[in-house]
Amino acid sequence: MQREKPHNHWHYKPNGEIPPGERLPEGLRRIALGVEYCGARLHGFQKQKSADATVQAYLEKALSTIAAEPVTLVCAGRTDAGVHATNQVIHFDTGAVRPTRAWVEGVNTKLPDAVRVHWAREVSPQFHARFSARARSYRYLIHSAPTRSAQAAAEVTWTQHPLDLEAMRAGARYLVGRHDFTSFRASQCQAKSPVRDITRLDIARVGQLIVLEISANAFLHHMVRNITGVLMAVGRGERAPQWVGEVLAARDRTAGGVTAPPFGLYLVNVQYPAEFGLPAHEPGPLLVPLPLGGLPV
């Protein structure tokens, strides 16, 4: 993470952090967007040399067309191939002067059906999509049924095994709070610290789906999928709930070793200080029309 430098040493970097009291260079403005995407048809968020179908590549191309100048962007949190988002937040710096409608409707005309912009706001220079975020929330959708659904094959994770929700909830309680989540991070995770603070981990049945809702100050690479994989093992009766605590205490990725598929994972909310004035938006996805913290008990 970038650290604030003394003002006399600060130099502007496109889309970078701007210290309090500093301004964007003359003629530039910072725009934030709320973005939804279906990861099933994409190769993740981050732009890649080996794959064109990424959220970042599509957005930067569309924004550059509307702005009539090259545009690069920063997101709240990169997602992997197959992972979805209902409320990804991005920002970019631009010299283009456009009405809000152009950054939403105009950009959407240049995007594939799998990516949509829902809102746009000009924000203060101190806003940063990644570093200004105070919390993030994900939902993981599991379809537990004897037969896989033909309607949402890539939007949920299917298991033919019945899952014991009470056992999963008992296991989840070991994870709430501030812990070292080394056992739940991917081997390629680049985060400097494995310590994260999970403020909520709820599990409920919503229609035919089992939904995990998890909020934390930040997440490690594959952290939600690894947590889900371990809790599903508990739900299937393969492990006792206290095993979750043992995995956590081990601080060893091989202690759990279970990663749930990407298909059921949705980034549904990024929380920012109210001072930035970002619009409220339903967390979603459409399969779960409930507010955050509103899963049935």
C-alpha atoms as a PDB file:
ATOM      1  CA  MET A   1       0.000   0.000   0.000  1.00  0.00           C
ATOM      2  CA  GLN A   2       1.243   3.456  -0.844  1.00  0.00           C
ATOM      3  CA  ARG A   3       2.047   5.696   2.111  1.00  0.00           C
ATOM      4  CA  GLU A   4       1.407   9.404   2.234  1.00  0.00           C
ATOM      5  CA  LYS A   5       4.532  11.451   1.621  1.00  0.00           C
ATOM      6  CA  PRO A   6       5.269  14.950   2.888  1.00  0.00           C
ATOM      7  CA  HIS A   7       3.535  17.425   0.607  1.00  0.00           C
ATOM      8  CA  ASN A   8       6.793  18.919  -0.639  1.00  0.00           C
ATOM      9  CA  HIS A   9       7.831  15.472  -1.896  1.00  0.00           C
ATOM     10  CA  TRP A  10       4.483  14.463  -3.373  1.00  0.00           C
ATOM     11  CA  HIS A  11       4.237  13.976  -7.123  1.00  0.00           C
ATOM     12  CA  TYR A  12       1.034  13.153  -8.980  1.00  0.00           C
ATOM     13  CA  LYS A  13       0.645   9.647 -10.377  1.00  0.00           C
ATOM     14  CA  PRO A  14      -2.389   8.802 -12.515  1.00  0.00           C
ATOM     15  CA  ASN A  15      -5.120   7.229 -10.357  1.00  0.00           C
ATOM     16  CA  GLY A  16      -2.792   7.223  -7.338  1.00  0.00           C
ATOM     17  CA  GLU A  17      -3.336   8.273  -3.735  1.00  0.00           C
ATOM     18  CA  ILE A  18      -3.476  12.022  -3.205  1.00  0.00           C
ATOM     19  CA  PRO A  19      -2.617  13.392   0.264  1.00  0.00           C
ATOM     20  CA  PRO A  20      -5.109  15.576   2.106  1.00  0.00           C
ATOM     21  CA  GLY A  21      -4.903  19.161   0.925  1.00  0.00           C
ATOM     22  CA  GLU A  22      -3.388  18.274  -2.450  1.00  0.00           C
ATOM     23  CA  ARG A  23      -5.286  18.583  -5.718  1.00  0.00           C
ATOM     24  CA  LEU A  24      -5.337  16.921  -9.078  1.00  0.00           C
ATOM     25  CA  PRO A  25      -3.311  18.645 -11.787  1.00  0.00           C
ATOM     26  CA  GLU A  26      -5.176  21.437 -13.556  1.00  0.00           C
ATOM     27  CA  GLY A  27      -7.810  20.119 -15.952  1.00  0.00           C
ATOM     28  CA  LEU A  28      -8.127  16.640 -14.424  1.00  0.00           C
ATOM     29  CA  ARG A  29     -11.035  15.199 -12.469  1.00  0.00           C
ATOM     30  CA  ARG A  30     -11.507  11.887 -10.654  1.00  0.00           C
ATOM     31  CA  ILE A  31     -14.542   9.741 -11.524  1.00  0.00           C
ATOM     32  CA  ALA A  32     -15.829   6.730  -9.562  1.00  0.00           C
ATOM     33  CA  LEU A  33     -18.058   4.038 -11.085  1.00  0.00           C
ATOM     34  CA  GLY A  34     -20.132   1.182  -9.658  1.00  0.00           C
ATOM     35  CA  VAL A  35     -19.755  -1.908 -11.831  1.00  0.00           C
ATOM     36  CA  GLU A  36     -21.527  -5.260 -12.093  1.00  0.00           C
ATOM     37  CA  TYR A  37     -20.226  -8.247 -14.039  1.00  0.00           C
ATOM     38  CA  CYS A  38     -20.823 -11.932 -14.635  1.00  0.00           C
ATOM     39  CA  GLY A  39     -17.443 -13.602 -14.245  1.00  0.00           C
ATOM     40  CA  ALA A  40     -18.483 -16.826 -15.994  1.00  0.00           C
ATOM     41  CA  ARG A  41     -17.582 -15.383 -19.384  1.00  0.00           C
ATOM     42  CA  LEU A  42     -14.533 -13.419 -18.237  1.00  0.00           C
ATOM     43  CA  HIS A  43     -10.913 -14.114 -17.347  1.00  0.00           C
ATOM     44  CA  GLY A  44     -11.044 -12.150 -14.113  1.00  0.00           C
ATOM     45  CA  PHE A  45     -10.856  -8.437 -13.426  1.00  0.00           C
ATOM     46  CA  GLN A  46      -7.201  -7.631 -14.079  1.00  0.00           C
ATOM     47  CA  LYS A  47      -6.013  -6.882 -17.592  1.00  0.00           C
ATOM     48  CA  GLN A  48      -3.764  -9.606 -19.020  1.00  0.00           C
ATOM     49  CA  LYS A  49      -1.529  -9.913 -22.035  1.00  0.00           C
ATOM     50  CA  SER A  50      -2.741 -13.469 -22.652  1.00  0.00           C
ATOM     51  CA  ALA A  51      -6.500 -12.798 -22.389  1.00  0.00           C
ATOM     52  CA  ASP A  52      -8.649 -10.034 -23.858  1.00  0.00           C
ATOM     53  CA  ALA A  53     -11.874 -10.879 -22.007  1.00  0.00           C
ATOM     54  CA  THR A  54     -11.187  -9.171 -18.684  1.00  0.00           C
ATOM     55  CA  VAL A  55     -13.289  -6.599 -16.871  1.00  0.00           C
ATOM     56  CA  GLN A  56     -10.469  -4.061 -16.784  1.00  0.00           C
ATOM     57  CA  ALA A  57      -9.720  -4.392 -20.497  1.00  0.00           C
ATOM     58  CA  TYR A  58     -13.369  -3.974 -21.468  1.00  0.00           C
ATOM     59  CA  LEU A  59     -13.870  -0.996 -19.165  1.00  0.00           C
ATOM     60  CA  GLU A  60     -10.700   0.825 -20.168  1.00  0.00           C
ATOM     61  CA  LYS A  61     -11.527   0.410 -23.851  1.00  0.00           C
ATOM     62  CA  ALA A  62     -15.099   1.668 -23.370  1.00  0.00           C
ATOM     63  CA  LEU A  63     -14.059   4.568 -21.140  1.00  0.00           C
ATOM     64  CA  SER A  64     -11.313   5.603 -23.541  1.00  0.00           C
ATOM     65  CA  THR A  65     -13.847   5.712 -26.361  1.00  0.00           C
ATOM     66  CA  ILE A  66     -16.268   7.908 -24.404  1.00  0.00           C
ATOM     67  CA  ALA A  67     -13.472  10.129 -23.053  1.00  0.00           C
ATOM     68  CA  ALA A  68     -11.744  10.375 -26.460  1.00  0.00           C
ATOM     69  CA  GLU A  69      -8.453   9.838 -24.628  1.00  0.00           C
ATOM     70  CA  PRO A  70      -6.610   6.865 -23.093  1.00  0.00           C
ATOM     71  CA  VAL A  71      -8.094   5.880 -19.726  1.00  0.00           C
ATOM     72  CA  THR A  72      -6.647   3.540 -17.097  1.00  0.00           C
ATOM     73  CA  LEU A  73      -8.395   2.593 -13.884  1.00  0.00           C
ATOM     74  CA  VAL A  74      -8.068   1.216 -10.357  1.00  0.00           C
ATOM     75  CA  CYS A  75     -10.561  -1.137  -8.656  1.00  0.00           C
ATOM     76  CA  ALA A  76     -11.571  -1.840  -5.063  1.00  0.00           C
ATOM     77  CA  GLY A  77     -10.453  -5.447  -5.287  1.00  0.00           C
ATOM     78  CA  ARG A  78      -9.402  -7.690  -8.151  1.00  0.00           C
ATOM     79  CA  THR A  79     -11.495 -10.815  -8.696  1.00  0.00           C
ATOM     80  CA  ASP A  80     -10.427 -14.094 -10.293  1.00  0.00           C
ATOM     81  CA  ALA A  81     -11.748 -15.780 -13.419  1.00  0.00           C
ATOM     82  CA  GLY A  82     -15.290 -17.025 -12.846  1.00  0.00           C
ATOM     83  CA  VAL A  83     -15.951 -14.706  -9.887  1.00  0.00           C
ATOM     84  CA  HIS A  84     -18.803 -12.205 -10.148  1.00  0.00           C
ATOM     85  CA  ALA A  85     -19.451  -8.716  -8.781  1.00  0.00           C
ATOM     86  CA  THR A  86     -22.612  -6.715  -8.205  1.00  0.00           C
ATOM     87  CA  ASN A  87     -20.876  -3.710  -6.635  1.00  0.00           C
ATOM     88  CA  GLN A  88     -17.281  -3.463  -7.778  1.00  0.00           C
ATOM     89  CA  VAL A  89     -16.017   0.109  -7.447  1.00  0.00           C
ATOM     90  CA  ILE A  90     -13.437   1.667  -9.752  1.00  0.00           C
ATOM     91  CA  HIS A  91     -11.985   5.130 -10.270  1.00  0.00           C
ATOM     92  CA  PHE A  92     -10.040   6.880 -13.007  1.00  0.00           C
ATOM     93  CA  ASP A  93      -8.557  10.319 -13.658  1.00  0.00           C
ATOM     94  CA  THR A  94      -9.520  12.077 -16.858  1.00  0.00           C
ATOM     95  CA  GLY A  95      -9.348  15.416 -18.592  1.00  0.00           C
ATOM     96  CA  ALA A  96     -12.621  14.726 -20.402  1.00  0.00           C
ATOM     97  CA  VAL A  97     -15.701  16.684 -19.367  1.00  0.00           C
ATOM     98  CA  ARG A  98     -18.751  14.473 -19.749  1.00  0.00           C
ATOM     99  CA  PRO A  99     -22.214  14.384 -18.139  1.00  0.00           C
ATOM    100  CA  THR A 100     -22.828  11.571 -15.671  1.00  0.00           C
ATOM    101  CA  ARG A 101     -25.119   9.932 -18.205  1.00  0.00           C
ATOM    102  CA  ALA A 102     -22.204   9.483 -20.605  1.00  0.00           C
ATOM    103  CA  TRP A 103     -20.132   7.601 -18.004  1.00  0.00           C
ATOM    104  CA  VAL A 104     -23.049   5.229 -17.416  1.00  0.00           C
ATOM    105  CA  GLU A 105     -25.261   4.857 -20.487  1.00  0.00           C
ATOM    106  CA  GLY A 106     -22.597   5.820 -22.982  1.00  0.00           C
ATOM    107  CA  VAL A 107     -20.011   3.446 -21.543  1.00  0.00           C
ATOM    108  CA  ASN A 108     -22.575   0.616 -21.352  1.00  0.00           C
ATOM    109  CA  THR A 109     -23.165   0.848 -25.110  1.00  0.00           C
ATOM    110  CA  LYS A 110     -19.483  -0.033 -25.564  1.00  0.00           C
ATOM    111  CA  LEU A 111     -19.424  -2.973 -23.140  1.00  0.00           C
ATOM    112  CA  PRO A 112     -20.306  -6.648 -23.597  1.00  0.00           C
ATOM    113  CA  ASP A 113     -23.460  -7.932 -21.910  1.00  0.00           C
ATOM    114  CA  ALA A 114     -21.367  -9.463 -19.114  1.00  0.00           C
ATOM    115  CA  VAL A 115     -20.252  -6.038 -17.792  1.00  0.00           C
ATOM    116  CA  ARG A 116     -22.451  -3.115 -16.745  1.00  0.00           C
ATOM    117  CA  VAL A 117     -21.902   0.294 -15.121  1.00  0.00           C
ATOM    118  CA  HIS A 118     -24.699   1.202 -12.670  1.00  0.00           C
ATOM    119  CA  TRP A 119     -23.629   4.618 -11.391  1.00  0.00           C
ATOM    120  CA  ALA A 120     -20.988   7.315 -11.797  1.00  0.00           C
ATOM    121  CA  ARG A 121     -19.850  10.157  -9.528  1.00  0.00           C
ATOM    122  CA  GLU A 122     -17.160  12.796  -9.698  1.00  0.00           C
ATOM    123  CA  VAL A 123     -15.290  12.369  -6.408  1.00  0.00           C
ATOM    124  CA  SER A 124     -12.734  14.311  -4.414  1.00  0.00           C
ATOM    125  CA  PRO A 125      -9.036  13.809  -5.249  1.00  0.00           C
ATOM    126  CA  GLN A 126      -8.578  11.993  -1.925  1.00  0.00           C
ATOM    127  CA  PHE A 127     -10.922   9.164  -2.980  1.00  0.00           C
ATOM    128  CA  HIS A 128      -9.172   5.945  -3.980  1.00  0.00           C
ATOM    129  CA  ALA A 129     -11.215   2.871  -4.941  1.00  0.00           C
ATOM    130  CA  ARG A 130      -8.820   0.504  -3.180  1.00  0.00           C
ATOM    131  CA  PHE A 131      -7.180   2.421  -0.368  1.00  0.00           C
ATOM    132  CA  SER A 132     -10.237   4.427   0.755  1.00  0.00           C
ATOM    133  CA  ALA A 133     -12.300   1.244   1.256  1.00  0.00           C
ATOM    134  CA  ARG A 134     -13.054   0.436   4.890  1.00  0.00           C
ATOM    135  CA  ALA A 135     -14.756  -2.930   4.419  1.00  0.00           C
ATOM    136  CA  ARG A 136     -15.757  -5.393   1.734  1.00  0.00           C
ATOM    137  CA  SER A 137     -18.553  -7.959   1.620  1.00  0.00           C
ATOM    138  CA  TYR A 138     -18.953 -11.118  -0.429  1.00  0.00           C
ATOM    139  CA  ARG A 139     -21.780 -13.576  -0.883  1.00  0.00           C
ATOM    140  CA  TYR A 140     -21.190 -17.187  -1.877  1.00  0.00           C
ATOM    141  CA  LEU A 141     -24.152 -19.068  -3.387  1.00  0.00           C
ATOM    142  CA  ILE A 142     -24.427 -22.860  -3.087  1.00  0.00           C
ATOM    143  CA  HIS A 143     -27.128 -24.948  -4.742  1.00  0.00           C
ATOM    144  CA  SER A 144     -27.436 -28.103  -2.642  1.00  0.00           C
ATOM    145  CA  ALA A 145     -29.667 -30.508  -4.593  1.00  0.00           C
ATOM    146  CA  PRO A 146     -29.540 -34.007  -6.136  1.00  0.00           C
ATOM    147  CA  THR A 147     -29.464 -32.547  -9.684  1.00  0.00           C
ATOM    148  CA  ARG A 148     -27.594 -29.529 -11.031  1.00  0.00           C
ATOM    149  CA  SER A 149     -29.788 -26.681 -12.237  1.00  0.00           C
ATOM    150  CA  ALA A 150     -29.705 -25.895 -15.945  1.00  0.00           C
ATOM    151  CA  GLN A 151     -30.567 -22.234 -15.308  1.00  0.00           C
ATOM    152  CA  ALA A 152     -27.645 -21.061 -13.169  1.00  0.00           C
ATOM    153  CA  ALA A 153     -24.825 -23.482 -13.832  1.00  0.00           C
ATOM    154  CA  ALA A 154     -22.115 -20.800 -13.841  1.00  0.00           C
ATOM    155  CA  GLU A 155     -23.712 -18.434 -11.336  1.00  0.00           C
ATOM    156  CA  VAL A 156     -23.816 -20.785  -8.320  1.00  0.00           C
ATOM    157  CA  THR A 157     -21.757 -23.679  -6.995  1.00  0.00           C
ATOM    158  CA  TRP A 158     -23.648 -26.968  -7.064  1.00  0.00           C
ATOM    159  CA  THR A 159     -23.236 -29.855  -4.666  1.00  0.00           C
ATOM    160  CA  GLN A 160     -25.323 -33.013  -4.644  1.00  0.00           C
ATOM    161  CA  HIS A 161     -24.622 -33.481  -0.934  1.00  0.00           C
ATOM    162  CA  PRO A 162     -27.021 -32.183   1.748  1.00  0.00           C
ATOM    163  CA  LEU A 163     -25.320 -29.581   3.950  1.00  0.00           C
ATOM    164  CA  ASP A 164     -25.810 -29.231   7.715  1.00  0.00           C
ATOM    165  CA  LEU A 165     -26.208 -25.477   8.200  1.00  0.00           C
ATOM    166  CA  GLU A 166     -26.011 -25.624  11.990  1.00  0.00           C
ATOM    167  CA  ALA A 167     -22.664 -27.410  11.807  1.00  0.00           C
ATOM    168  CA  MET A 168     -21.406 -24.855   9.260  1.00  0.00           C
ATOM    169  CA  ARG A 169     -22.521 -21.976  11.488  1.00  0.00           C
ATOM    170  CA  ALA A 170     -20.742 -23.551  14.465  1.00  0.00           C
ATOM    171  CA  GLY A 171     -17.562 -23.808  12.409  1.00  0.00           C
ATOM    172  CA  ALA A 172     -17.915 -20.263  11.089  1.00  0.00           C
ATOM    173  CA  ARG A 173     -17.881 -18.832  14.607  1.00  0.00           C
ATOM    174  CA  TYR A 174     -14.189 -19.709  14.943  1.00  0.00           C
ATOM    175  CA  LEU A 175     -13.402 -17.311  12.079  1.00  0.00           C
ATOM    176  CA  VAL A 176     -15.211 -14.161  13.213  1.00  0.00           C
ATOM    177  CA  GLY A 177     -12.861 -11.521  14.630  1.00  0.00           C
ATOM    178  CA  ARG A 178      -9.277 -10.502  14.030  1.00  0.00           C
ATOM    179  CA  HIS A 179      -7.079 -13.497  13.165  1.00  0.00           C
ATOM    180  CA  ASP A 180      -4.073 -14.661  11.210  1.00  0.00           C
ATOM    181  CA  PHE A 181      -5.683 -16.258   8.143  1.00  0.00           C
ATOM    182  CA  THR A 182      -2.543 -17.868   6.706  1.00  0.00           C
ATOM    183  CA  SER A 183      -4.411 -21.192   6.488  1.00  0.00           C
ATOM    184  CA  PHE A 184      -6.991 -19.576   4.219  1.00  0.00           C
ATOM    185  CA  ARG A 185      -4.769 -17.643   1.803  1.00  0.00           C
ATOM    186  CA  ALA A 186      -3.589 -18.821  -1.609  1.00  0.00           C
ATOM    187  CA  SER A 187       0.077 -19.734  -1.935  1.00  0.00           C
ATOM    188  CA  GLN A 188       0.511 -16.932  -4.500  1.00  0.00           C
ATOM    189  CA  CYS A 189      -1.090 -14.298  -2.235  1.00  0.00           C
ATOM    190  CA  GLN A 190       1.040 -11.136  -2.221  1.00  0.00           C
ATOM    191  CA  ALA A 191      -0.463  -9.438   0.854  1.00  0.00           C
ATOM    192  CA  LYS A 192       2.203  -8.364   3.331  1.00  0.00           C
ATOM    193  CA  SER A 193       0.161  -9.421   6.376  1.00  0.00           C
ATOM    194  CA  PRO A 194      -2.192 -12.421   6.759  1.00  0.00           C
ATOM    195  CA  VAL A 195      -4.130 -10.708   9.551  1.00  0.00           C
ATOM    196  CA  ARG A 196      -7.699  -9.759   8.697  1.00  0.00           C
ATOM    197  CA  ASP A 197     -10.783  -8.820  10.707  1.00  0.00           C
ATOM    198  CA  ILE A 198     -14.001 -10.671   9.800  1.00  0.00           C
ATOM    199  CA  THR A 199     -16.938  -8.734  11.209  1.00  0.00           C
ATOM    200  CA  ARG A 200     -19.724 -11.014   9.985  1.00  0.00           C
ATOM    201  CA  LEU A 201     -20.016 -14.543   8.606  1.00  0.00           C
ATOM    202  CA  ASP A 202     -23.679 -15.505   8.217  1.00  0.00           C
ATOM    203  CA  ILE A 203     -25.038 -18.681   6.628  1.00  0.00           C
ATOM    204  CA  ALA A 204     -28.682 -19.137   5.653  1.00  0.00           C
ATOM    205  CA  ARG A 205     -30.983 -20.919   3.268  1.00  0.00           C
ATOM    206  CA  VAL A 206     -32.614 -18.585   0.738  1.00  0.00           C
ATOM    207  CA  GLY A 207     -35.044 -20.447  -1.489  1.00  0.00           C
ATOM    208  CA  GLN A 208     -33.122 -23.334  -3.015  1.00  0.00           C
ATOM    209  CA  LEU A 209     -29.770 -21.729  -2.232  1.00  0.00           C
ATOM    210  CA  ILE A 210     -27.454 -21.770   0.752  1.00  0.00           C
ATOM    211  CA  VAL A 211     -25.865 -18.325   1.055  1.00  0.00           C
ATOM    212  CA  LEU A 212     -22.706 -17.403   2.921  1.00  0.00           C
ATOM    213  CA  GLU A 213     -22.342 -13.676   3.599  1.00  0.00           C
ATOM    214  CA  ILE A 214     -18.959 -12.534   4.823  1.00  0.00           C
ATOM    215  CA  SER A 215     -17.709  -9.027   5.632  1.00  0.00           C
ATOM    216  CA  ALA A 216     -14.179  -8.000   6.588  1.00  0.00           C
ATOM    217  CA  ASN A 217     -11.848  -5.027   6.478  1.00  0.00           C
ATOM    218  CA  ALA A 218     -10.070  -6.749   3.571  1.00  0.00           C
ATOM    219  CA  PHE A 219      -9.542 -10.226   2.147  1.00  0.00           C
ATOM    220  CA  LEU A 220      -6.564 -12.346   1.169  1.00  0.00           C
ATOM    221  CA  HIS A 221      -6.291 -14.061  -2.214  1.00  0.00           C
ATOM    222  CA  HIS A 222      -8.805 -16.960  -2.360  1.00  0.00           C
ATOM    223  CA  MET A 223      -9.694 -16.337   1.297  1.00  0.00           C
ATOM    224  CA  VAL A 224     -13.485 -16.523   0.831  1.00  0.00           C
ATOM    225  CA  ARG A 225     -13.303 -19.569  -1.437  1.00  0.00           C
ATOM    226  CA  ASN A 226     -10.975 -21.353   0.985  1.00  0.00           C
ATOM    227  CA  ILE A 227     -13.239 -20.557   3.934  1.00  0.00           C
ATOM    228  CA  THR A 228     -16.255 -21.791   1.966  1.00  0.00           C
ATOM    229  CA  GLY A 229     -14.483 -25.012   0.998  1.00  0.00           C
ATOM    230  CA  VAL A 230     -13.658 -25.776   4.635  1.00  0.00           C
ATOM    231  CA  LEU A 231     -17.199 -24.971   5.812  1.00  0.00           C
ATOM    232  CA  MET A 232     -18.718 -27.143   3.081  1.00  0.00           C
ATOM    233  CA  ALA A 233     -16.582 -30.055   4.286  1.00  0.00           C
ATOM    234  CA  VAL A 234     -18.063 -29.492   7.741  1.00  0.00           C
ATOM    235  CA  GLY A 235     -21.560 -29.252   6.255  1.00  0.00           C
ATOM    236  CA  ARG A 236     -21.120 -32.599   4.504  1.00  0.00           C
ATOM    237  CA  GLY A 237     -20.199 -34.197   7.825  1.00  0.00           C
ATOM    238  CA  GLU A 238     -16.641 -34.971   6.764  1.00  0.00           C
ATOM    239  CA  ARG A 239     -15.242 -32.840   9.593  1.00  0.00           C
ATOM    240  CA  ALA A 240     -16.464 -31.591  12.970  1.00  0.00           C
ATOM    241  CA  PRO A 241     -17.066 -27.844  13.425  1.00  0.00           C
ATOM    242  CA  GLN A 242     -14.020 -27.495  15.726  1.00  0.00           C
ATOM    243  CA  TRP A 243     -11.810 -28.524  12.809  1.00  0.00           C
ATOM    244  CA  VAL A 244     -12.307 -25.005  11.443  1.00  0.00           C
ATOM    245  CA  GLY A 245     -10.617 -23.629  14.566  1.00  0.00           C
ATOM    246  CA  GLU A 246      -7.808 -26.147  14.216  1.00  0.00           C
ATOM    247  CA  VAL A 247      -7.225 -25.126  10.596  1.00  0.00           C
ATOM    248  CA  LEU A 248      -7.148 -21.459  11.602  1.00  0.00           C
ATOM    249  CA  ALA A 249      -4.709 -22.084  14.464  1.00  0.00           C
ATOM    250  CA  ALA A 250      -2.363 -24.115  12.253  1.00  0.00           C
ATOM    251  CA  ARG A 251      -1.442 -21.060  10.148  1.00  0.00           C
ATOM    252  CA  ASP A 252      -0.656 -23.495   7.353  1.00  0.00           C
ATOM    253  CA  ARG A 253      -2.482 -23.575   4.001  1.00  0.00           C
ATOM    254  CA  THR A 254      -2.139 -27.355   3.789  1.00  0.00           C
ATOM    255  CA  ALA A 255      -4.142 -27.766   7.012  1.00  0.00           C
ATOM    256  CA  GLY A 256      -7.388 -27.031   5.161  1.00  0.00           C
ATOM    257  CA  GLY A 257      -6.491 -27.454   1.537  1.00  0.00           C
ATOM    258  CA  VAL A 258     -10.076 -27.131   0.262  1.00  0.00           C
ATOM    259  CA  THR A 259     -10.915 -24.369  -2.238  1.00  0.00           C
ATOM    260  CA  ALA A 260     -14.505 -23.893  -3.362  1.00  0.00           C
ATOM    261  CA  PRO A 261     -15.106 -23.150  -7.073  1.00  0.00           C
ATOM    262  CA  PRO A 262     -15.267 -19.502  -8.219  1.00  0.00           C
ATOM    263  CA  PHE A 263     -18.738 -19.700  -9.755  1.00  0.00           C
ATOM    264  CA  GLY A 264     -20.783 -18.968  -6.627  1.00  0.00           C
ATOM    265  CA  LEU A 265     -18.692 -16.023  -5.400  1.00  0.00           C
ATOM    266  CA  TYR A 266     -19.947 -12.420  -5.661  1.00  0.00           C
ATOM    267  CA  LEU A 267     -18.353  -9.174  -4.505  1.00  0.00           C
ATOM    268  CA  VAL A 268     -21.517  -7.432  -3.298  1.00  0.00           C
ATOM    269  CA  ASN A 269     -20.423  -4.346  -1.376  1.00  0.00           C
ATOM    270  CA  VAL A 270     -17.475  -2.048  -0.737  1.00  0.00           C
ATOM    271  CA  GLN A 271     -17.847   0.370   2.167  1.00  0.00           C
ATOM    272  CA  TYR A 272     -16.363   3.878   2.054  1.00  0.00           C
ATOM    273  CA  PRO A 273     -16.502   6.853   4.414  1.00  0.00           C
ATOM    274  CA  ALA A 274     -19.727   8.820   3.956  1.00  0.00           C
ATOM    275  CA  GLU A 275     -17.741  11.952   3.106  1.00  0.00           C
ATOM    276  CA  PHE A 276     -17.153  10.642  -0.413  1.00  0.00           C
ATOM    277  CA  GLY A 277     -20.893  10.596  -1.137  1.00  0.00           C
ATOM    278  CA  LEU A 278     -21.073   7.377  -3.131  1.00  0.00           C
ATOM    279  CA  PRO A 279     -24.611   6.174  -3.904  1.00  0.00           C
ATOM    280  CA  ALA A 280     -26.222   3.276  -2.080  1.00  0.00           C
ATOM    281  CA  HIS A 281     -26.853   0.165  -4.159  1.00  0.00           C
ATOM    282  CA  GLU A 282     -28.555  -3.142  -3.409  1.00  0.00           C
ATOM    283  CA  PRO A 283     -25.960  -5.839  -2.671  1.00  0.00           C
ATOM    284  CA  GLY A 284     -27.532  -8.554  -4.839  1.00  0.00           C
ATOM    285  CA  PRO A 285     -27.170 -10.697  -6.785  1.00  0.00           C
ATOM    286  CA  LEU A 286     -30.675 -10.912  -8.225  1.00  0.00           C
ATOM    287  CA  LEU A 287     -30.937 -14.460  -6.839  1.00  0.00           C
ATOM    288  CA  VAL A 288     -30.628 -13.033  -3.296  1.00  0.00           C
ATOM    289  CA  PRO A 289     -32.709  -9.807  -3.092  1.00  0.00           C
ATOM    290  CA  LEU A 290     -31.839  -9.094   0.544  1.00  0.00           C
ATOM    291  CA  PRO A 291     -29.919  -6.259   2.241  1.00  0.00           C
ATOM    292  CA  LEU A 292     -26.537  -6.910   3.849  1.00  0.00           C
ATOM    293  CA  GLY A 293     -27.072  -8.530   7.202  1.00  0.00           C
ATOM    294  CA  GLY A 294     -30.596  -9.485   6.140  1.00  0.00           C
ATOM    295  CA  LEU A 295     -30.172 -13.226   5.643  1.00  0.00           C
ATOM    296  CA  PRO A 296     -32.854 -15.219   7.490  1.00  0.00           C
ATOM    297  CA  VAL A 297     -31.704 -16.865  10.717  1.00  0.00           C
END
